[in-house]
Amino acid sequence: MSDTYIIEVSSQAAGIVVRNPDGYRFFAATHRFNPLDGRLFRNAREAERAAIRLARGDFKLVA
């Protein structure tokens, strides 16, 4: 299992996720995905789904 994944939305880089002991931390590649920057996800797939929702405009930031 890899420790780092590139997340793409519509063939454009959204960011990368890096595994750490608590989960996968998202690092935004563009300003468009800044709302996800620094967020922790259980897995890379969850981060990808969040990036897709954000790109569609239906992402809700939860504390």
PDB file of N, CA and C in Angstrom:
ATOM      1  N   MET A   1       0.834  -1.172   0.000  1.00  0.00           N
ATOM      2  CA  MET A   1       0.000   0.000   0.000  1.00  0.00           C
ATOM      3  C   MET A   1       0.883   1.242   0.000  1.00  0.00           C
ATOM      4  N   SER A   2       0.541   2.189  -0.856  1.00  0.00           N
ATOM      5  CA  SER A   2       1.339   3.400  -0.995  1.00  0.00           C
ATOM      6  C   SER A   2       1.078   4.380   0.146  1.00  0.00           C
ATOM      7  N   ASP A   3       2.023   5.268   0.370  1.00  0.00           N
ATOM      8  CA  ASP A   3       1.889   6.290   1.399  1.00  0.00           C
ATOM      9  C   ASP A   3       1.443   7.637   0.838  1.00  0.00           C
ATOM     10  N   THR A   4       1.504   7.794  -0.484  1.00  0.00           N
ATOM     11  CA  THR A   4       1.173   9.059  -1.129  1.00  0.00           C
ATOM     12  C   THR A   4       0.375   8.803  -2.402  1.00  0.00           C
ATOM     13  N   TYR A   5      -0.684   9.585  -2.591  1.00  0.00           N
ATOM     14  CA  TYR A   5      -1.503   9.471  -3.794  1.00  0.00           C
ATOM     15  C   TYR A   5      -1.764  10.850  -4.365  1.00  0.00           C
ATOM     16  N   ILE A   6      -1.808  10.933  -5.691  1.00  0.00           N
ATOM     17  CA  ILE A   6      -2.221  12.148  -6.377  1.00  0.00           C
ATOM     18  C   ILE A   6      -3.726  12.045  -6.581  1.00  0.00           C
ATOM     19  N   ILE A   7      -4.428  13.119  -6.231  1.00  0.00           N
ATOM     20  CA  ILE A   7      -5.872  13.169  -6.425  1.00  0.00           C
ATOM     21  C   ILE A   7      -6.141  14.061  -7.629  1.00  0.00           C
ATOM     22  N   GLU A   8      -6.866  13.528  -8.602  1.00  0.00           N
ATOM     23  CA  GLU A   8      -7.223  14.284  -9.797  1.00  0.00           C
ATOM     24  C   GLU A   8      -8.736  14.360  -9.920  1.00  0.00           C
ATOM     25  N   VAL A   9      -9.197  15.496 -10.432  1.00  0.00           N
ATOM     26  CA  VAL A   9     -10.613  15.694 -10.716  1.00  0.00           C
ATOM     27  C   VAL A   9     -10.694  16.204 -12.141  1.00  0.00           C
ATOM     28  N   SER A  10     -11.416  15.502 -12.986  1.00  0.00           N
ATOM     29  CA  SER A  10     -11.537  15.872 -14.399  1.00  0.00           C
ATOM     30  C   SER A  10     -10.168  16.048 -15.048  1.00  0.00           C
ATOM     31  N   SER A  11      -9.270  15.117 -14.790  1.00  0.00           N
ATOM     32  CA  SER A  11      -7.926  15.075 -15.359  1.00  0.00           C
ATOM     33  C   SER A  11      -7.024  16.232 -14.925  1.00  0.00           C
ATOM     34  N   GLN A  12      -7.398  16.948 -13.862  1.00  0.00           N
ATOM     35  CA  GLN A  12      -6.556  18.015 -13.344  1.00  0.00           C
ATOM     36  C   GLN A  12      -6.209  17.719 -11.890  1.00  0.00           C
ATOM     37  N   ALA A  13      -4.969  18.005 -11.534  1.00  0.00           N
ATOM     38  CA  ALA A  13      -4.513  17.729 -10.170  1.00  0.00           C
ATOM     39  C   ALA A  13      -5.281  18.577  -9.167  1.00  0.00           C
ATOM     40  N   ALA A  14      -5.843  17.904  -8.161  1.00  0.00           N
ATOM     41  CA  ALA A  14      -6.518  18.589  -7.057  1.00  0.00           C
ATOM     42  C   ALA A  14      -5.554  18.728  -5.892  1.00  0.00           C
ATOM     43  N   GLY A  15      -4.728  17.696  -5.699  1.00  0.00           N
ATOM     44  CA  GLY A  15      -3.774  17.701  -4.605  1.00  0.00           C
ATOM     45  C   GLY A  15      -3.178  16.325  -4.412  1.00  0.00           C
ATOM     46  N   ILE A  16      -2.493  16.180  -3.305  1.00  0.00           N
ATOM     47  CA  ILE A  16      -1.960  14.879  -2.932  1.00  0.00           C
ATOM     48  C   ILE A  16      -2.436  14.561  -1.524  1.00  0.00           C
ATOM     49  N   VAL A  17      -2.499  13.283  -1.222  1.00  0.00           N
ATOM     50  CA  VAL A  17      -2.752  12.851   0.143  1.00  0.00           C
ATOM     51  C   VAL A  17      -1.558  12.022   0.585  1.00  0.00           C
ATOM     52  N   VAL A  18      -1.151  12.245   1.833  1.00  0.00           N
ATOM     53  CA  VAL A  18       0.008  11.566   2.394  1.00  0.00           C
ATOM     54  C   VAL A  18      -0.443  10.827   3.645  1.00  0.00           C
ATOM     55  N   ARG A  19      -0.136   9.546   3.688  1.00  0.00           N
ATOM     56  CA  ARG A  19      -0.538   8.749   4.842  1.00  0.00           C
ATOM     57  C   ARG A  19       0.325   9.090   6.050  1.00  0.00           C
ATOM     58  N   ASN A  20      -0.332   9.196   7.194  1.00  0.00           N
ATOM     59  CA  ASN A  20       0.361   9.340   8.468  1.00  0.00           C
ATOM     60  C   ASN A  20      -0.376   8.450   9.471  1.00  0.00           C
ATOM     61  N   PRO A  21       0.054   8.370  10.699  1.00  0.00           N
ATOM     62  CA  PRO A  21      -0.575   7.444  11.648  1.00  0.00           C
ATOM     63  C   PRO A  21      -2.076   7.683  11.872  1.00  0.00           C
ATOM     64  N   ASP A  22      -2.545   8.906  11.607  1.00  0.00           N
ATOM     65  CA  ASP A  22      -3.948   9.230  11.858  1.00  0.00           C
ATOM     66  C   ASP A  22      -4.844   9.078  10.638  1.00  0.00           C
ATOM     67  N   GLY A  23      -4.280   8.924   9.464  1.00  0.00           N
ATOM     68  CA  GLY A  23      -5.071   8.821   8.237  1.00  0.00           C
ATOM     69  C   GLY A  23      -4.294   9.402   7.068  1.00  0.00           C
ATOM     70  N   TYR A  24      -5.008  10.048   6.156  1.00  0.00           N
ATOM     71  CA  TYR A  24      -4.397  10.646   4.968  1.00  0.00           C
ATOM     72  C   TYR A  24      -4.632  12.152   4.979  1.00  0.00           C
ATOM     73  N   ARG A  25      -3.554  12.917   4.971  1.00  0.00           N
ATOM     74  CA  ARG A  25      -3.642  14.373   4.987  1.00  0.00           C
ATOM     75  C   ARG A  25      -3.602  14.888   3.557  1.00  0.00           C
ATOM     76  N   PHE A  26      -4.524  15.817   3.252  1.00  0.00           N
ATOM     77  CA  PHE A  26      -4.659  16.391   1.914  1.00  0.00           C
ATOM     78  C   PHE A  26      -3.834  17.667   1.799  1.00  0.00           C
ATOM     79  N   PHE A  27      -3.102  17.808   0.692  1.00  0.00           N
ATOM     80  CA  PHE A  27      -2.349  19.015   0.369  1.00  0.00           C
ATOM     81  C   PHE A  27      -2.814  19.497  -1.002  1.00  0.00           C
ATOM     82  N   ALA A  28      -3.440  20.658  -1.035  1.00  0.00           N
ATOM     83  CA  ALA A  28      -4.040  21.178  -2.266  1.00  0.00           C
ATOM     84  C   ALA A  28      -2.993  21.538  -3.308  1.00  0.00           C
ATOM     85  N   ALA A  29      -3.301  21.232  -4.559  1.00  0.00           N
ATOM     86  CA  ALA A  29      -2.408  21.571  -5.672  1.00  0.00           C
ATOM     87  C   ALA A  29      -2.762  22.930  -6.268  1.00  0.00           C
ATOM     88  N   THR A  30      -4.013  23.357  -6.109  1.00  0.00           N
ATOM     89  CA  THR A  30      -4.459  24.650  -6.630  1.00  0.00           C
ATOM     90  C   THR A  30      -5.367  25.315  -5.597  1.00  0.00           C
ATOM     91  N   HIS A  31      -5.558  26.626  -5.776  1.00  0.00           N
ATOM     92  CA  HIS A  31      -6.409  27.378  -4.854  1.00  0.00           C
ATOM     93  C   HIS A  31      -7.837  26.832  -4.822  1.00  0.00           C
ATOM     94  N   ARG A  32      -8.281  26.292  -5.921  1.00  0.00           N
ATOM     95  CA  ARG A  32      -9.637  25.743  -6.013  1.00  0.00           C
ATOM     96  C   ARG A  32      -9.906  24.700  -4.927  1.00  0.00           C
ATOM     97  N   PHE A  33      -8.861  23.985  -4.519  1.00  0.00           N
ATOM     98  CA  PHE A  33      -9.021  22.911  -3.541  1.00  0.00           C
ATOM     99  C   PHE A  33      -8.496  23.283  -2.154  1.00  0.00           C
ATOM    100  N   ASN A  34      -8.231  24.565  -1.924  1.00  0.00           N
ATOM    101  CA  ASN A  34      -7.763  25.006  -0.611  1.00  0.00           C
ATOM    102  C   ASN A  34      -8.693  24.632   0.547  1.00  0.00           C
ATOM    103  N   PRO A  35     -10.005  24.579   0.354  1.00  0.00           N
ATOM    104  CA  PRO A  35     -10.858  24.182   1.480  1.00  0.00           C
ATOM    105  C   PRO A  35     -10.530  22.786   2.035  1.00  0.00           C
ATOM    106  N   LEU A  36      -9.864  21.960   1.247  1.00  0.00           N
ATOM    107  CA  LEU A  36      -9.489  20.614   1.697  1.00  0.00           C
ATOM    108  C   LEU A  36      -8.076  20.573   2.274  1.00  0.00           C
ATOM    109  N   ASP A  37      -7.307  21.623   2.033  1.00  0.00           N
ATOM    110  CA  ASP A  37      -5.903  21.630   2.427  1.00  0.00           C
ATOM    111  C   ASP A  37      -5.739  21.396   3.933  1.00  0.00           C
ATOM    112  N   GLY A  38      -4.929  20.416   4.266  1.00  0.00           N
ATOM    113  CA  GLY A  38      -4.654  20.098   5.664  1.00  0.00           C
ATOM    114  C   GLY A  38      -5.669  19.172   6.320  1.00  0.00           C
ATOM    115  N   ARG A  39      -6.764  18.903   5.641  1.00  0.00           N
ATOM    116  CA  ARG A  39      -7.784  18.023   6.225  1.00  0.00           C
ATOM    117  C   ARG A  39      -7.296  16.581   6.251  1.00  0.00           C
ATOM    118  N   LEU A  40      -7.792  15.849   7.219  1.00  0.00           N
ATOM    119  CA  LEU A  40      -7.423  14.453   7.401  1.00  0.00           C
ATOM    120  C   LEU A  40      -8.580  13.571   6.956  1.00  0.00           C
ATOM    121  N   PHE A  41      -8.268  12.533   6.178  1.00  0.00           N
ATOM    122  CA  PHE A  41      -9.263  11.593   5.675  1.00  0.00           C
ATOM    123  C   PHE A  41      -8.888  10.182   6.100  1.00  0.00           C
ATOM    124  N   ARG A  42      -9.884   9.318   6.191  1.00  0.00           N
ATOM    125  CA  ARG A  42      -9.628   7.922   6.582  1.00  0.00           C
ATOM    126  C   ARG A  42      -8.821   7.179   5.530  1.00  0.00           C
ATOM    127  N   ASN A  43      -9.057   7.523   4.245  1.00  0.00           N
ATOM    128  CA  ASN A  43      -8.341   6.858   3.160  1.00  0.00           C
ATOM    129  C   ASN A  43      -8.292   7.779   1.950  1.00  0.00           C
ATOM    130  N   ALA A  44      -7.522   7.390   0.948  1.00  0.00           N
ATOM    131  CA  ALA A  44      -7.350   8.219  -0.243  1.00  0.00           C
ATOM    132  C   ALA A  44      -8.648   8.349  -1.021  1.00  0.00           C
ATOM    133  N   ARG A  45      -9.451   7.312  -1.042  1.00  0.00           N
ATOM    134  CA  ARG A  45     -10.725   7.347  -1.774  1.00  0.00           C
ATOM    135  C   ARG A  45     -11.670   8.393  -1.176  1.00  0.00           C
ATOM    136  N   GLU A  46     -11.699   8.484   0.142  1.00  0.00           N
ATOM    137  CA  GLU A  46     -12.532   9.490   0.807  1.00  0.00           C
ATOM    138  C   GLU A  46     -12.083  10.904   0.419  1.00  0.00           C
ATOM    139  N   ALA A  47     -10.786  11.121   0.344  1.00  0.00           N
ATOM    140  CA  ALA A  47     -10.258  12.425  -0.068  1.00  0.00           C
ATOM    141  C   ALA A  47     -10.632  12.725  -1.516  1.00  0.00           C
ATOM    142  N   GLU A  48     -10.568  11.733  -2.362  1.00  0.00           N
ATOM    143  CA  GLU A  48     -10.937  11.915  -3.766  1.00  0.00           C
ATOM    144  C   GLU A  48     -12.408  12.294  -3.888  1.00  0.00           C
ATOM    145  N   ARG A  49     -13.269  11.622  -3.142  1.00  0.00           N
ATOM    146  CA  ARG A  49     -14.700  11.939  -3.178  1.00  0.00           C
ATOM    147  C   ARG A  49     -14.957  13.375  -2.703  1.00  0.00           C
ATOM    148  N   ALA A  50     -14.241  13.806  -1.684  1.00  0.00           N
ATOM    149  CA  ALA A  50     -14.392  15.179  -1.192  1.00  0.00           C
ATOM    150  C   ALA A  50     -13.959  16.184  -2.262  1.00  0.00           C
ATOM    151  N   ALA A  51     -12.874  15.896  -2.960  1.00  0.00           N
ATOM    152  CA  ALA A  51     -12.391  16.790  -4.017  1.00  0.00           C
ATOM    153  C   ALA A  51     -13.405  16.871  -5.160  1.00  0.00           C
ATOM    154  N   ILE A  52     -14.006  15.762  -5.506  1.00  0.00           N
ATOM    155  CA  ILE A  52     -15.029  15.751  -6.561  1.00  0.00           C
ATOM    156  C   ILE A  52     -16.237  16.572  -6.129  1.00  0.00           C
ATOM    157  N   ARG A  53     -16.674  16.388  -4.886  1.00  0.00           N
ATOM    158  CA  ARG A  53     -17.817  17.168  -4.377  1.00  0.00           C
ATOM    159  C   ARG A  53     -17.495  18.662  -4.380  1.00  0.00           C
ATOM    160  N   LEU A  54     -16.284  19.012  -3.972  1.00  0.00           N
ATOM    161  CA  LEU A  54     -15.878  20.409  -3.957  1.00  0.00           C
ATOM    162  C   LEU A  54     -15.906  20.989  -5.374  1.00  0.00           C
ATOM    163  N   ALA A  55     -15.395  20.257  -6.338  1.00  0.00           N
ATOM    164  CA  ALA A  55     -15.385  20.724  -7.726  1.00  0.00           C
ATOM    165  C   ALA A  55     -16.797  20.911  -8.261  1.00  0.00           C
ATOM    166  N   ARG A  56     -17.728  20.085  -7.809  1.00  0.00           N
ATOM    167  CA  ARG A  56     -19.136  20.195  -8.226  1.00  0.00           C
ATOM    168  C   ARG A  56     -19.863  21.329  -7.506  1.00  0.00           C
ATOM    169  N   GLY A  57     -19.277  21.799  -6.403  1.00  0.00           N
ATOM    170  CA  GLY A  57     -19.902  22.857  -5.640  1.00  0.00           C
ATOM    171  C   GLY A  57     -20.800  22.383  -4.529  1.00  0.00           C
ATOM    172  N   ASP A  58     -20.766  21.085  -4.208  1.00  0.00           N
ATOM    173  CA  ASP A  58     -21.643  20.583  -3.151  1.00  0.00           C
ATOM    174  C   ASP A  58     -20.876  20.033  -1.952  1.00  0.00           C
ATOM    175  N   PHE A  59     -19.696  20.597  -1.708  1.00  0.00           N
ATOM    176  CA  PHE A  59     -18.894  20.200  -0.551  1.00  0.00           C
ATOM    177  C   PHE A  59     -19.276  21.059   0.634  1.00  0.00           C
ATOM    178  N   LYS A  60     -19.547  20.449   1.764  1.00  0.00           N
ATOM    179  CA  LYS A  60     -19.863  21.166   2.995  1.00  0.00           C
ATOM    180  C   LYS A  60     -18.712  20.987   3.959  1.00  0.00           C
ATOM    181  N   LEU A  61     -18.113  22.089   4.387  1.00  0.00           N
ATOM    182  CA  LEU A  61     -16.996  22.037   5.341  1.00  0.00           C
ATOM    183  C   LEU A  61     -17.567  21.755   6.720  1.00  0.00           C
ATOM    184  N   VAL A  62     -17.134  20.634   7.303  1.00  0.00           N
ATOM    185  CA  VAL A  62     -17.588  20.236   8.634  1.00  0.00           C
ATOM    186  C   VAL A  62     -16.409  20.352   9.575  1.00  0.00           C
ATOM    187  N   ALA A  63     -16.639  20.970  10.710  1.00  0.00           N
ATOM    188  CA  ALA A  63     -15.562  21.175  11.686  1.00  0.00           C
ATOM    189  C   ALA A  63     -15.043  19.877  12.237  1.00  0.00           C
TER     190      ALA A  63
END
